[in-house]
Amino acid sequence: MECFYHNGTPACGICKSCQRGICKNCCSEVQNGIACLSRCEKNAIELDEMIESSKSMQGKSTTLIKSVGLGSGEIFHIVLGILFLGFGLYKHQDFMSYLGAVFLVFGFLGLFRVAKAKSKKKS
């Protein structure tokens, strides 16, 4: 591979930002790679900062999902089940009543599954 900017000169690596082959005279060392000197340095540095920010956010988002996620969907199904079942019985609509019953079943089965998973974690 040859340098993108100097024909005939062998490239020493690939720019982190633009992915072009660059020689030793055209490269600037940035964190975790090289970039085109005076052309792509800023973009490569910003790319590194975005990657590091993403890594730190991953742990926070995993914690948030674990804290909110367990049981919240199941409770939502139970509430919907109560609403649909109540509305169906009040208006004498069989479909709404059946739908409410299905939501209730899925909600309670889900809560049972979550409780079972939590008890296995503690063991």
PDB file of N, CA and C in Angstrom:
ATOM      1  N   MET A   1       0.849  -1.167   0.000  1.00  0.00           N
ATOM      2  CA  MET A   1       0.000   0.000   0.000  1.00  0.00           C
ATOM      3  C   MET A   1       0.896   1.231   0.000  1.00  0.00           C
ATOM      4  N   GLU A   2       0.457   2.221  -0.757  1.00  0.00           N
ATOM      5  CA  GLU A   2       1.213   3.478  -0.867  1.00  0.00           C
ATOM      6  C   GLU A   2       0.504   4.604  -0.116  1.00  0.00           C
ATOM      7  N   CYS A   3       1.275   5.645   0.197  1.00  0.00           N
ATOM      8  CA  CYS A   3       0.721   6.825   0.845  1.00  0.00           C
ATOM      9  C   CYS A   3      -0.272   7.507  -0.098  1.00  0.00           C
ATOM     10  N   PHE A   4      -1.393   7.907   0.429  1.00  0.00           N
ATOM     11  CA  PHE A   4      -2.411   8.574  -0.366  1.00  0.00           C
ATOM     12  C   PHE A   4      -1.902   9.911  -0.908  1.00  0.00           C
ATOM     13  N   TYR A   5      -1.052  10.579  -0.130  1.00  0.00           N
ATOM     14  CA  TYR A   5      -0.590  11.914  -0.493  1.00  0.00           C
ATOM     15  C   TYR A   5       0.734  11.912  -1.252  1.00  0.00           C
ATOM     16  N   HIS A   6       1.526  10.844  -1.157  1.00  0.00           N
ATOM     17  CA  HIS A   6       2.824  10.754  -1.832  1.00  0.00           C
ATOM     18  C   HIS A   6       2.900   9.459  -2.635  1.00  0.00           C
ATOM     19  N   ASN A   7       2.678   9.540  -3.926  1.00  0.00           N
ATOM     20  CA  ASN A   7       2.742   8.362  -4.774  1.00  0.00           C
ATOM     21  C   ASN A   7       4.134   7.750  -4.719  1.00  0.00           C
ATOM     22  N   GLY A   8       4.192   6.434  -4.623  1.00  0.00           N
ATOM     23  CA  GLY A   8       5.454   5.720  -4.591  1.00  0.00           C
ATOM     24  C   GLY A   8       6.048   5.563  -3.205  1.00  0.00           C
ATOM     25  N   THR A   9       5.557   6.269  -2.230  1.00  0.00           N
ATOM     26  CA  THR A   9       6.060   6.155  -0.862  1.00  0.00           C
ATOM     27  C   THR A   9       5.217   5.120  -0.116  1.00  0.00           C
ATOM     28  N   PRO A  10       5.873   4.137   0.501  1.00  0.00           N
ATOM     29  CA  PRO A  10       5.092   3.119   1.208  1.00  0.00           C
ATOM     30  C   PRO A  10       4.368   3.706   2.429  1.00  0.00           C
ATOM     31  N   ALA A  11       3.174   3.243   2.642  1.00  0.00           N
ATOM     32  CA  ALA A  11       2.376   3.707   3.789  1.00  0.00           C
ATOM     33  C   ALA A  11       2.799   2.945   5.041  1.00  0.00           C
ATOM     34  N   CYS A  12       2.812   3.619   6.166  1.00  0.00           N
ATOM     35  CA  CYS A  12       3.158   2.965   7.427  1.00  0.00           C
ATOM     36  C   CYS A  12       1.916   2.568   8.209  1.00  0.00           C
ATOM     37  N   GLY A  13       0.761   3.059   7.798  1.00  0.00           N
ATOM     38  CA  GLY A  13      -0.484   2.725   8.474  1.00  0.00           C
ATOM     39  C   GLY A  13      -1.682   3.370   7.809  1.00  0.00           C
ATOM     40  N   ILE A  14      -2.808   3.253   8.459  1.00  0.00           N
ATOM     41  CA  ILE A  14      -4.074   3.784   7.931  1.00  0.00           C
ATOM     42  C   ILE A  14      -4.600   4.832   8.905  1.00  0.00           C
ATOM     43  N   CYS A  15      -5.027   5.953   8.365  1.00  0.00           N
ATOM     44  CA  CYS A  15      -5.578   7.037   9.180  1.00  0.00           C
ATOM     45  C   CYS A  15      -6.840   6.560   9.896  1.00  0.00           C
ATOM     46  N   LYS A  16      -6.907   6.854  11.177  1.00  0.00           N
ATOM     47  CA  LYS A  16      -8.047   6.450  11.990  1.00  0.00           C
ATOM     48  C   LYS A  16      -9.336   7.137  11.556  1.00  0.00           C
ATOM     49  N   SER A  17      -9.233   8.328  10.982  1.00  0.00           N
ATOM     50  CA  SER A  17     -10.413   9.092  10.611  1.00  0.00           C
ATOM     51  C   SER A  17     -10.871   8.803   9.180  1.00  0.00           C
ATOM     52  N   CYS A  18      -9.974   8.976   8.215  1.00  0.00           N
ATOM     53  CA  CYS A  18     -10.392   8.864   6.808  1.00  0.00           C
ATOM     54  C   CYS A  18     -10.077   7.508   6.171  1.00  0.00           C
ATOM     55  N   GLN A  19      -9.358   6.649   6.887  1.00  0.00           N
ATOM     56  CA  GLN A  19      -9.035   5.297   6.430  1.00  0.00           C
ATOM     57  C   GLN A  19      -8.127   5.259   5.201  1.00  0.00           C
ATOM     58  N   ARG A  20      -7.353   6.295   4.990  1.00  0.00           N
ATOM     59  CA  ARG A  20      -6.412   6.322   3.874  1.00  0.00           C
ATOM     60  C   ARG A  20      -5.041   5.871   4.354  1.00  0.00           C
ATOM     61  N   GLY A  21      -4.279   5.237   3.449  1.00  0.00           N
ATOM     62  CA  GLY A  21      -2.916   4.858   3.763  1.00  0.00           C
ATOM     63  C   GLY A  21      -2.043   6.110   3.832  1.00  0.00           C
ATOM     64  N   ILE A  22      -1.195   6.218   4.864  1.00  0.00           N
ATOM     65  CA  ILE A  22      -0.331   7.397   5.011  1.00  0.00           C
ATOM     66  C   ILE A  22       1.093   6.963   5.372  1.00  0.00           C
ATOM     67  N   CYS A  23       2.060   7.765   4.898  1.00  0.00           N
ATOM     68  CA  CYS A  23       3.468   7.484   5.176  1.00  0.00           C
ATOM     69  C   CYS A  23       3.885   8.140   6.487  1.00  0.00           C
ATOM     70  N   LYS A  24       5.141   7.903   6.882  1.00  0.00           N
ATOM     71  CA  LYS A  24       5.639   8.450   8.152  1.00  0.00           C
ATOM     72  C   LYS A  24       5.648   9.975   8.146  1.00  0.00           C
ATOM     73  N   ASN A  25       5.845  10.598   6.987  1.00  0.00           N
ATOM     74  CA  ASN A  25       5.863  12.060   6.918  1.00  0.00           C
ATOM     75  C   ASN A  25       4.469  12.671   7.029  1.00  0.00           C
ATOM     76  N   CYS A  26       3.440  11.903   6.708  1.00  0.00           N
ATOM     77  CA  CYS A  26       2.070  12.428   6.706  1.00  0.00           C
ATOM     78  C   CYS A  26       1.278  12.060   7.950  1.00  0.00           C
ATOM     79  N   CYS A  27       1.875  11.281   8.845  1.00  0.00           N
ATOM     80  CA  CYS A  27       1.081  10.799   9.971  1.00  0.00           C
ATOM     81  C   CYS A  27       1.391  11.538  11.259  1.00  0.00           C
ATOM     82  N   SER A  28       0.396  11.559  12.097  1.00  0.00           N
ATOM     83  CA  SER A  28       0.506  12.125  13.431  1.00  0.00           C
ATOM     84  C   SER A  28      -0.049  11.082  14.387  1.00  0.00           C
ATOM     85  N   GLU A  29       0.665  10.808  15.464  1.00  0.00           N
ATOM     86  CA  GLU A  29       0.209   9.798  16.407  1.00  0.00           C
ATOM     87  C   GLU A  29      -0.856  10.388  17.321  1.00  0.00           C
ATOM     88  N   VAL A  30      -1.985   9.716  17.377  1.00  0.00           N
ATOM     89  CA  VAL A  30      -3.071  10.082  18.279  1.00  0.00           C
ATOM     90  C   VAL A  30      -3.326   8.878  19.184  1.00  0.00           C
ATOM     91  N   GLN A  31      -4.155   9.060  20.172  1.00  0.00           N
ATOM     92  CA  GLN A  31      -4.454   7.958  21.078  1.00  0.00           C
ATOM     93  C   GLN A  31      -5.030   6.789  20.284  1.00  0.00           C
ATOM     94  N   ASN A  32      -4.471   5.630  20.465  1.00  0.00           N
ATOM     95  CA  ASN A  32      -4.949   4.392  19.828  1.00  0.00           C
ATOM     96  C   ASN A  32      -4.868   4.403  18.307  1.00  0.00           C
ATOM     97  N   GLY A  33      -3.905   5.079  17.712  1.00  0.00           N
ATOM     98  CA  GLY A  33      -3.763   5.032  16.265  1.00  0.00           C
ATOM     99  C   GLY A  33      -2.995   6.204  15.697  1.00  0.00           C
ATOM    100  N   ILE A  34      -3.139   6.349  14.383  1.00  0.00           N
ATOM    101  CA  ILE A  34      -2.509   7.467  13.684  1.00  0.00           C
ATOM    102  C   ILE A  34      -3.554   8.189  12.844  1.00  0.00           C
ATOM    103  N   ALA A  35      -3.220   9.431  12.494  1.00  0.00           N
ATOM    104  CA  ALA A  35      -4.137  10.237  11.682  1.00  0.00           C
ATOM    105  C   ALA A  35      -3.325  11.078  10.709  1.00  0.00           C
ATOM    106  N   CYS A  36      -3.975  11.553   9.661  1.00  0.00           N
ATOM    107  CA  CYS A  36      -3.330  12.434   8.698  1.00  0.00           C
ATOM    108  C   CYS A  36      -2.890  13.715   9.411  1.00  0.00           C
ATOM    109  N   LEU A  37      -1.625  14.065   9.238  1.00  0.00           N
ATOM    110  CA  LEU A  37      -1.055  15.246   9.888  1.00  0.00           C
ATOM    111  C   LEU A  37      -1.773  16.501   9.401  1.00  0.00           C
ATOM    112  N   SER A  38      -2.242  17.315  10.301  1.00  0.00           N
ATOM    113  CA  SER A  38      -2.915  18.595  10.038  1.00  0.00           C
ATOM    114  C   SER A  38      -4.205  18.465   9.229  1.00  0.00           C
ATOM    115  N   ARG A  39      -4.706  17.260   9.064  1.00  0.00           N
ATOM    116  CA  ARG A  39      -5.963  17.085   8.325  1.00  0.00           C
ATOM    117  C   ARG A  39      -7.023  16.372   9.161  1.00  0.00           C
ATOM    118  N   CYS A  40      -6.649  15.260   9.748  1.00  0.00           N
ATOM    119  CA  CYS A  40      -7.634  14.404  10.417  1.00  0.00           C
ATOM    120  C   CYS A  40      -7.388  14.251  11.912  1.00  0.00           C
ATOM    121  N   GLU A  41      -6.417  14.952  12.454  1.00  0.00           N
ATOM    122  CA  GLU A  41      -6.085  14.790  13.873  1.00  0.00           C
ATOM    123  C   GLU A  41      -7.279  15.096  14.772  1.00  0.00           C
ATOM    124  N   LYS A  42      -7.939  16.199  14.508  1.00  0.00           N
ATOM    125  CA  LYS A  42      -9.077  16.604  15.339  1.00  0.00           C
ATOM    126  C   LYS A  42     -10.184  15.557  15.293  1.00  0.00           C
ATOM    127  N   ASN A  43     -10.504  15.053  14.102  1.00  0.00           N
ATOM    128  CA  ASN A  43     -11.556  14.038  13.962  1.00  0.00           C
ATOM    129  C   ASN A  43     -11.177  12.747  14.677  1.00  0.00           C
ATOM    130  N   ALA A  44      -9.893  12.355  14.582  1.00  0.00           N
ATOM    131  CA  ALA A  44      -9.449  11.128  15.242  1.00  0.00           C
ATOM    132  C   ALA A  44      -9.527  11.265  16.762  1.00  0.00           C
ATOM    133  N   ILE A  45      -9.175  12.421  17.284  1.00  0.00           N
ATOM    134  CA  ILE A  45      -9.258  12.661  18.726  1.00  0.00           C
ATOM    135  C   ILE A  45     -10.717  12.630  19.182  1.00  0.00           C
ATOM    136  N   GLU A  46     -11.603  13.248  18.412  1.00  0.00           N
ATOM    137  CA  GLU A  46     -13.032  13.233  18.745  1.00  0.00           C
ATOM    138  C   GLU A  46     -13.589  11.809  18.695  1.00  0.00           C
ATOM    139  N   LEU A  47     -13.121  11.023  17.741  1.00  0.00           N
ATOM    140  CA  LEU A  47     -13.546   9.634  17.630  1.00  0.00           C
ATOM    141  C   LEU A  47     -13.133   8.845  18.874  1.00  0.00           C
ATOM    142  N   ASP A  48     -11.907   9.055  19.338  1.00  0.00           N
ATOM    143  CA  ASP A  48     -11.449   8.409  20.572  1.00  0.00           C
ATOM    144  C   ASP A  48     -12.295   8.824  21.763  1.00  0.00           C
ATOM    145  N   GLU A  49     -12.621  10.109  21.846  1.00  0.00           N
ATOM    146  CA  GLU A  49     -13.436  10.601  22.959  1.00  0.00           C
ATOM    147  C   GLU A  49     -14.838   9.989  22.932  1.00  0.00           C
ATOM    148  N   MET A  50     -15.406   9.838  21.739  1.00  0.00           N
ATOM    149  CA  MET A  50     -16.733   9.220  21.624  1.00  0.00           C
ATOM    150  C   MET A  50     -16.688   7.763  22.061  1.00  0.00           C
ATOM    151  N   ILE A  51     -15.634   7.051  21.697  1.00  0.00           N
ATOM    152  CA  ILE A  51     -15.510   5.648  22.083  1.00  0.00           C
ATOM    153  C   ILE A  51     -15.403   5.525  23.594  1.00  0.00           C
ATOM    154  N   GLU A  52     -14.577   6.344  24.208  1.00  0.00           N
ATOM    155  CA  GLU A  52     -14.421   6.306  25.669  1.00  0.00           C
ATOM    156  C   GLU A  52     -15.728   6.681  26.370  1.00  0.00           C
ATOM    157  N   SER A  53     -16.429   7.670  25.854  1.00  0.00           N
ATOM    158  CA  SER A  53     -17.712   8.066  26.429  1.00  0.00           C
ATOM    159  C   SER A  53     -18.725   6.927  26.320  1.00  0.00           C
ATOM    160  N   SER A  54     -18.722   6.252  25.196  1.00  0.00           N
ATOM    161  CA  SER A  54     -19.630   5.127  24.986  1.00  0.00           C
ATOM    162  C   SER A  54     -19.332   4.000  25.971  1.00  0.00           C
ATOM    163  N   LYS A  55     -18.064   3.734  26.214  1.00  0.00           N
ATOM    164  CA  LYS A  55     -17.689   2.687  27.161  1.00  0.00           C
ATOM    165  C   LYS A  55     -18.182   3.012  28.567  1.00  0.00           C
ATOM    166  N   SER A  56     -18.038   4.260  28.979  1.00  0.00           N
ATOM    167  CA  SER A  56     -18.474   4.631  30.326  1.00  0.00           C
ATOM    168  C   SER A  56     -19.998   4.618  30.440  1.00  0.00           C
ATOM    169  N   MET A  57     -20.699   4.954  29.373  1.00  0.00           N
ATOM    170  CA  MET A  57     -22.164   4.953  29.391  1.00  0.00           C
ATOM    171  C   MET A  57     -22.732   3.538  29.411  1.00  0.00           C
ATOM    172  N   GLN A  58     -21.999   2.575  28.878  1.00  0.00           N
ATOM    173  CA  GLN A  58     -22.502   1.211  28.812  1.00  0.00           C
ATOM    174  C   GLN A  58     -22.779   0.655  30.201  1.00  0.00           C
ATOM    175  N   GLY A  59     -21.873   0.867  31.127  1.00  0.00           N
ATOM    176  CA  GLY A  59     -22.089   0.380  32.489  1.00  0.00           C
ATOM    177  C   GLY A  59     -23.280   1.032  33.153  1.00  0.00           C
ATOM    178  N   LYS A  60     -23.426   2.340  32.950  1.00  0.00           N
ATOM    179  CA  LYS A  60     -24.550   3.060  33.550  1.00  0.00           C
ATOM    180  C   LYS A  60     -25.881   2.584  32.978  1.00  0.00           C
ATOM    181  N   SER A  61     -25.936   2.370  31.662  1.00  0.00           N
ATOM    182  CA  SER A  61     -27.196   1.949  31.043  1.00  0.00           C
ATOM    183  C   SER A  61     -27.555   0.530  31.443  1.00  0.00           C
ATOM    184  N   THR A  62     -26.559  -0.346  31.594  1.00  0.00           N
ATOM    185  CA  THR A  62     -26.837  -1.713  32.037  1.00  0.00           C
ATOM    186  C   THR A  62     -27.426  -1.714  33.434  1.00  0.00           C
ATOM    187  N   THR A  63     -26.877  -0.900  34.319  1.00  0.00           N
ATOM    188  CA  THR A  63     -27.397  -0.789  35.683  1.00  0.00           C
ATOM    189  C   THR A  63     -28.829  -0.270  35.666  1.00  0.00           C
ATOM    190  N   LEU A  64     -29.099   0.730  34.848  1.00  0.00           N
ATOM    191  CA  LEU A  64     -30.446   1.302  34.766  1.00  0.00           C
ATOM    192  C   LEU A  64     -31.446   0.272  34.250  1.00  0.00           C
ATOM    193  N   ILE A  65     -31.070  -0.457  33.225  1.00  0.00           N
ATOM    194  CA  ILE A  65     -31.974  -1.463  32.656  1.00  0.00           C
ATOM    195  C   ILE A  65     -32.280  -2.549  33.680  1.00  0.00           C
ATOM    196  N   LYS A  66     -31.265  -2.987  34.412  1.00  0.00           N
ATOM    197  CA  LYS A  66     -31.485  -4.028  35.414  1.00  0.00           C
ATOM    198  C   LYS A  66     -32.366  -3.536  36.552  1.00  0.00           C
ATOM    199  N   SER A  67     -32.223  -2.277  36.934  1.00  0.00           N
ATOM    200  CA  SER A  67     -32.993  -1.770  38.066  1.00  0.00           C
ATOM    201  C   SER A  67     -34.449  -1.507  37.698  1.00  0.00           C
ATOM    202  N   VAL A  68     -34.708  -1.082  36.480  1.00  0.00           N
ATOM    203  CA  VAL A  68     -36.071  -0.735  36.079  1.00  0.00           C
ATOM    204  C   VAL A  68     -36.785  -1.901  35.420  1.00  0.00           C
ATOM    205  N   GLY A  69     -36.064  -2.720  34.688  1.00  0.00           N
ATOM    206  CA  GLY A  69     -36.672  -3.708  33.822  1.00  0.00           C
ATOM    207  C   GLY A  69     -37.375  -4.857  34.499  1.00  0.00           C
ATOM    208  N   LEU A  70     -36.891  -5.323  35.657  1.00  0.00           N
ATOM    209  CA  LEU A  70     -37.450  -6.529  36.240  1.00  0.00           C
ATOM    210  C   LEU A  70     -38.836  -6.277  36.824  1.00  0.00           C
ATOM    211  N   GLY A  71     -39.826  -6.852  36.195  1.00  0.00           N
ATOM    212  CA  GLY A  71     -41.178  -6.769  36.706  1.00  0.00           C
ATOM    213  C   GLY A  71     -42.012  -5.624  36.171  1.00  0.00           C
ATOM    214  N   SER A  72     -41.394  -4.603  35.593  1.00  0.00           N
ATOM    215  CA  SER A  72     -42.188  -3.452  35.156  1.00  0.00           C
ATOM    216  C   SER A  72     -43.098  -3.800  33.981  1.00  0.00           C
ATOM    217  N   GLY A  73     -42.633  -4.599  33.056  1.00  0.00           N
ATOM    218  CA  GLY A  73     -43.474  -5.015  31.927  1.00  0.00           C
ATOM    219  C   GLY A  73     -44.632  -5.880  32.378  1.00  0.00           C
ATOM    220  N   GLU A  74     -44.348  -6.728  33.349  1.00  0.00           N
ATOM    221  CA  GLU A  74     -45.388  -7.617  33.860  1.00  0.00           C
ATOM    222  C   GLU A  74     -46.475  -6.822  34.592  1.00  0.00           C
ATOM    223  N   ILE A  75     -46.065  -5.842  35.372  1.00  0.00           N
ATOM    224  CA  ILE A  75     -47.036  -4.993  36.075  1.00  0.00           C
ATOM    225  C   ILE A  75     -47.881  -4.217  35.071  1.00  0.00           C
ATOM    226  N   PHE A  76     -47.253  -3.758  33.989  1.00  0.00           N
ATOM    227  CA  PHE A  76     -47.984  -3.067  32.930  1.00  0.00           C
ATOM    228  C   PHE A  76     -49.040  -3.996  32.327  1.00  0.00           C
ATOM    229  N   HIS A  77     -48.692  -5.266  32.100  1.00  0.00           N
ATOM    230  CA  HIS A  77     -49.662  -6.221  31.555  1.00  0.00           C
ATOM    231  C   HIS A  77     -50.830  -6.429  32.517  1.00  0.00           C
ATOM    232  N   ILE A  78     -50.533  -6.495  33.799  1.00  0.00           N
ATOM    233  CA  ILE A  78     -51.599  -6.690  34.791  1.00  0.00           C
ATOM    234  C   ILE A  78     -52.543  -5.489  34.806  1.00  0.00           C
ATOM    235  N   VAL A  79     -51.987  -4.289  34.777  1.00  0.00           N
ATOM    236  CA  VAL A  79     -52.830  -3.082  34.770  1.00  0.00           C
ATOM    237  C   VAL A  79     -53.700  -3.049  33.510  1.00  0.00           C
ATOM    238  N   LEU A  80     -53.088  -3.350  32.355  1.00  0.00           N
ATOM    239  CA  LEU A  80     -53.886  -3.401  31.119  1.00  0.00           C
ATOM    240  C   LEU A  80     -54.968  -4.469  31.209  1.00  0.00           C
ATOM    241  N   GLY A  81     -54.612  -5.611  31.782  1.00  0.00           N
ATOM    242  CA  GLY A  81     -55.597  -6.686  31.934  1.00  0.00           C
ATOM    243  C   GLY A  81     -56.781  -6.255  32.762  1.00  0.00           C
ATOM    244  N   ILE A  82     -56.514  -5.581  33.866  1.00  0.00           N
ATOM    245  CA  ILE A  82     -57.604  -5.099  34.732  1.00  0.00           C
ATOM    246  C   ILE A  82     -58.483  -4.099  33.980  1.00  0.00           C
ATOM    247  N   LEU A  83     -57.826  -3.166  33.252  1.00  0.00           N
ATOM    248  CA  LEU A  83     -58.592  -2.161  32.502  1.00  0.00           C
ATOM    249  C   LEU A  83     -59.452  -2.789  31.408  1.00  0.00           C
ATOM    250  N   PHE A  84     -58.861  -3.681  30.610  1.00  0.00           N
ATOM    251  CA  PHE A  84     -59.617  -4.318  29.523  1.00  0.00           C
ATOM    252  C   PHE A  84     -60.724  -5.206  30.075  1.00  0.00           C
ATOM    253  N   LEU A  85     -60.402  -5.981  31.111  1.00  0.00           N
ATOM    254  CA  LEU A  85     -61.411  -6.872  31.682  1.00  0.00           C
ATOM    255  C   LEU A  85     -62.556  -6.065  32.287  1.00  0.00           C
ATOM    256  N   GLY A  86     -62.234  -5.011  33.023  1.00  0.00           N
ATOM    257  CA  GLY A  86     -63.276  -4.171  33.614  1.00  0.00           C
ATOM    258  C   GLY A  86     -64.142  -3.508  32.558  1.00  0.00           C
ATOM    259  N   PHE A  87     -63.500  -2.970  31.513  1.00  0.00           N
ATOM    260  CA  PHE A  87     -64.256  -2.323  30.441  1.00  0.00           C
ATOM    261  C   PHE A  87     -65.122  -3.337  29.705  1.00  0.00           C
ATOM    262  N   GLY A  88     -64.571  -4.524  29.446  1.00  0.00           N
ATOM    263  CA  GLY A  88     -65.333  -5.564  28.745  1.00  0.00           C
ATOM    264  C   GLY A  88     -66.540  -6.030  29.529  1.00  0.00           C
ATOM    265  N   LEU A  89     -66.366  -6.189  30.836  1.00  0.00           N
ATOM    266  CA  LEU A  89     -67.503  -6.608  31.672  1.00  0.00           C
ATOM    267  C   LEU A  89     -68.541  -5.496  31.794  1.00  0.00           C
ATOM    268  N   TYR A  90     -68.076  -4.256  31.900  1.00  0.00           N
ATOM    269  CA  TYR A  90     -68.981  -3.115  32.035  1.00  0.00           C
ATOM    270  C   TYR A  90     -69.810  -2.906  30.770  1.00  0.00           C
ATOM    271  N   LYS A  91     -69.176  -3.031  29.608  1.00  0.00           N
ATOM    272  CA  LYS A  91     -69.863  -2.797  28.333  1.00  0.00           C
ATOM    273  C   LYS A  91     -70.407  -4.082  27.715  1.00  0.00           C
ATOM    274  N   HIS A  92     -70.250  -5.213  28.398  1.00  0.00           N
ATOM    275  CA  HIS A  92     -70.705  -6.514  27.897  1.00  0.00           C
ATOM    276  C   HIS A  92     -70.077  -6.837  26.535  1.00  0.00           C
ATOM    277  N   GLN A  93     -68.768  -6.617  26.443  1.00  0.00           N
ATOM    278  CA  GLN A  93     -68.035  -6.939  25.219  1.00  0.00           C
ATOM    279  C   GLN A  93     -67.092  -8.098  25.517  1.00  0.00           C
ATOM    280  N   ASP A  94     -67.431  -9.247  24.923  1.00  0.00           N
ATOM    281  CA  ASP A  94     -66.668 -10.467  25.197  1.00  0.00           C
ATOM    282  C   ASP A  94     -65.203 -10.338  24.781  1.00  0.00           C
ATOM    283  N   PHE A  95     -64.946  -9.748  23.619  1.00  0.00           N
ATOM    284  CA  PHE A  95     -63.576  -9.655  23.127  1.00  0.00           C
ATOM    285  C   PHE A  95     -62.693  -8.879  24.101  1.00  0.00           C
ATOM    286  N   MET A  96     -63.194  -7.774  24.611  1.00  0.00           N
ATOM    287  CA  MET A  96     -62.418  -6.957  25.552  1.00  0.00           C
ATOM    288  C   MET A  96     -62.171  -7.737  26.842  1.00  0.00           C
ATOM    289  N   SER A  97     -63.161  -8.490  27.277  1.00  0.00           N
ATOM    290  CA  SER A  97     -63.000  -9.293  28.485  1.00  0.00           C
ATOM    291  C   SER A  97     -61.950 -10.381  28.277  1.00  0.00           C
ATOM    292  N   TYR A  98     -61.983 -11.057  27.129  1.00  0.00           N
ATOM    293  CA  TYR A  98     -60.992 -12.090  26.824  1.00  0.00           C
ATOM    294  C   TYR A  98     -59.590 -11.480  26.736  1.00  0.00           C
ATOM    295  N   LEU A  99     -59.511 -10.339  26.098  1.00  0.00           N
ATOM    296  CA  LEU A  99     -58.226  -9.663  25.967  1.00  0.00           C
ATOM    297  C   LEU A  99     -57.670  -9.287  27.351  1.00  0.00           C
ATOM    298  N   GLY A 100     -58.538  -8.784  28.218  1.00  0.00           N
ATOM    299  CA  GLY A 100     -58.125  -8.464  29.578  1.00  0.00           C
ATOM    300  C   GLY A 100     -57.636  -9.689  30.324  1.00  0.00           C
ATOM    301  N   ALA A 101     -58.328 -10.800  30.164  1.00  0.00           N
ATOM    302  CA  ALA A 101     -57.921 -12.040  30.819  1.00  0.00           C
ATOM    303  C   ALA A 101     -56.553 -12.509  30.318  1.00  0.00           C
ATOM    304  N   VAL A 102     -56.332 -12.385  29.023  1.00  0.00           N
ATOM    305  CA  VAL A 102     -55.039 -12.782  28.450  1.00  0.00           C
ATOM    306  C   VAL A 102     -53.924 -11.899  29.010  1.00  0.00           C
ATOM    307  N   PHE A 103     -54.140 -10.600  29.082  1.00  0.00           N
ATOM    308  CA  PHE A 103     -53.133  -9.701  29.656  1.00  0.00           C
ATOM    309  C   PHE A 103     -52.839 -10.070  31.112  1.00  0.00           C
ATOM    310  N   LEU A 104     -53.888 -10.374  31.864  1.00  0.00           N
ATOM    311  CA  LEU A 104     -53.693 -10.765  33.262  1.00  0.00           C
ATOM    312  C   LEU A 104     -52.870 -12.044  33.375  1.00  0.00           C
ATOM    313  N   VAL A 105     -53.180 -13.030  32.561  1.00  0.00           N
ATOM    314  CA  VAL A 105     -52.433 -14.292  32.596  1.00  0.00           C
ATOM    315  C   VAL A 105     -50.967 -14.052  32.270  1.00  0.00           C
ATOM    316  N   PHE A 106     -50.702 -13.307  31.194  1.00  0.00           N
ATOM    317  CA  PHE A 106     -49.312 -13.030  30.828  1.00  0.00           C
ATOM    318  C   PHE A 106     -48.600 -12.229  31.920  1.00  0.00           C
ATOM    319  N   GLY A 107     -49.296 -11.299  32.531  1.00  0.00           N
ATOM    320  CA  GLY A 107     -48.694 -10.504  33.592  1.00  0.00           C
ATOM    321  C   GLY A 107     -48.308 -11.340  34.794  1.00  0.00           C
ATOM    322  N   PHE A 108     -49.225 -12.190  35.249  1.00  0.00           N
ATOM    323  CA  PHE A 108     -48.934 -13.006  36.425  1.00  0.00           C
ATOM    324  C   PHE A 108     -47.899 -14.089  36.121  1.00  0.00           C
ATOM    325  N   LEU A 109     -47.953 -14.680  34.928  1.00  0.00           N
ATOM    326  CA  LEU A 109     -46.916 -15.646  34.554  1.00  0.00           C
ATOM    327  C   LEU A 109     -45.542 -14.977  34.500  1.00  0.00           C
ATOM    328  N   GLY A 110     -45.500 -13.750  33.993  1.00  0.00           N
ATOM    329  CA  GLY A 110     -44.239 -13.013  33.945  1.00  0.00           C
ATOM    330  C   GLY A 110     -43.707 -12.700  35.328  1.00  0.00           C
ATOM    331  N   LEU A 111     -44.585 -12.277  36.232  1.00  0.00           N
ATOM    332  CA  LEU A 111     -44.152 -12.012  37.614  1.00  0.00           C
ATOM    333  C   LEU A 111     -43.627 -13.284  38.277  1.00  0.00           C
ATOM    334  N   PHE A 112     -44.289 -14.398  38.015  1.00  0.00           N
ATOM    335  CA  PHE A 112     -43.821 -15.676  38.554  1.00  0.00           C
ATOM    336  C   PHE A 112     -42.432 -16.008  38.023  1.00  0.00           C
ATOM    337  N   ARG A 113     -42.217 -15.777  36.726  1.00  0.00           N
ATOM    338  CA  ARG A 113     -40.918 -16.050  36.099  1.00  0.00           C
ATOM    339  C   ARG A 113     -39.827 -15.146  36.675  1.00  0.00           C
ATOM    340  N   VAL A 114     -40.140 -13.870  36.896  1.00  0.00           N
ATOM    341  CA  VAL A 114     -39.172 -12.930  37.475  1.00  0.00           C
ATOM    342  C   VAL A 114     -38.832 -13.341  38.906  1.00  0.00           C
ATOM    343  N   ALA A 115     -39.848 -13.690  39.695  1.00  0.00           N
ATOM    344  CA  ALA A 115     -39.613 -14.110  41.084  1.00  0.00           C
ATOM    345  C   ALA A 115     -38.755 -15.366  41.127  1.00  0.00           C
ATOM    346  N   LYS A 116     -39.006 -16.292  40.216  1.00  0.00           N
ATOM    347  CA  LYS A 116     -38.220 -17.527  40.145  1.00  0.00           C
ATOM    348  C   LYS A 116     -36.769 -17.227  39.775  1.00  0.00           C
ATOM    349  N   ALA A 117     -36.561 -16.317  38.841  1.00  0.00           N
ATOM    350  CA  ALA A 117     -35.200 -15.940  38.431  1.00  0.00           C
ATOM    351  C   ALA A 117     -34.457 -15.240  39.567  1.00  0.00           C
ATOM    352  N   LYS A 118     -35.156 -14.383  40.321  1.00  0.00           N
ATOM    353  CA  LYS A 118     -34.523 -13.698  41.450  1.00  0.00           C
ATOM    354  C   LYS A 118     -34.128 -14.683  42.544  1.00  0.00           C
ATOM    355  N   SER A 119     -34.979 -15.675  42.781  1.00  0.00           N
ATOM    356  CA  SER A 119     -34.649 -16.665  43.824  1.00  0.00           C
ATOM    357  C   SER A 119     -33.463 -17.531  43.415  1.00  0.00           C
ATOM    358  N   LYS A 120     -33.297 -17.802  42.135  1.00  0.00           N
ATOM    359  CA  LYS A 120     -32.132 -18.550  41.660  1.00  0.00           C
ATOM    360  C   LYS A 120     -30.858 -17.759  41.799  1.00  0.00           C
ATOM    361  N   LYS A 121     -30.926 -16.425  41.592  1.00  0.00           N
ATOM    362  CA  LYS A 121     -29.756 -15.561  41.733  1.00  0.00           C
ATOM    363  C   LYS A 121     -29.258 -15.563  43.172  1.00  0.00           C
ATOM    364  N   LYS A 122     -30.194 -15.545  44.134  1.00  0.00           N
ATOM    365  CA  LYS A 122     -29.810 -15.482  45.538  1.00  0.00           C
ATOM    366  C   LYS A 122     -29.171 -16.795  45.994  1.00  0.00           C
ATOM    367  N   SER A 123     -29.523 -17.904  45.360  1.00  0.00           N
ATOM    368  CA  SER A 123     -28.984 -19.222  45.749  1.00  0.00           C
ATOM    369  C   SER A 123     -27.563 -19.425  45.324  1.00  0.00           C
TER     370      SER A 123
END
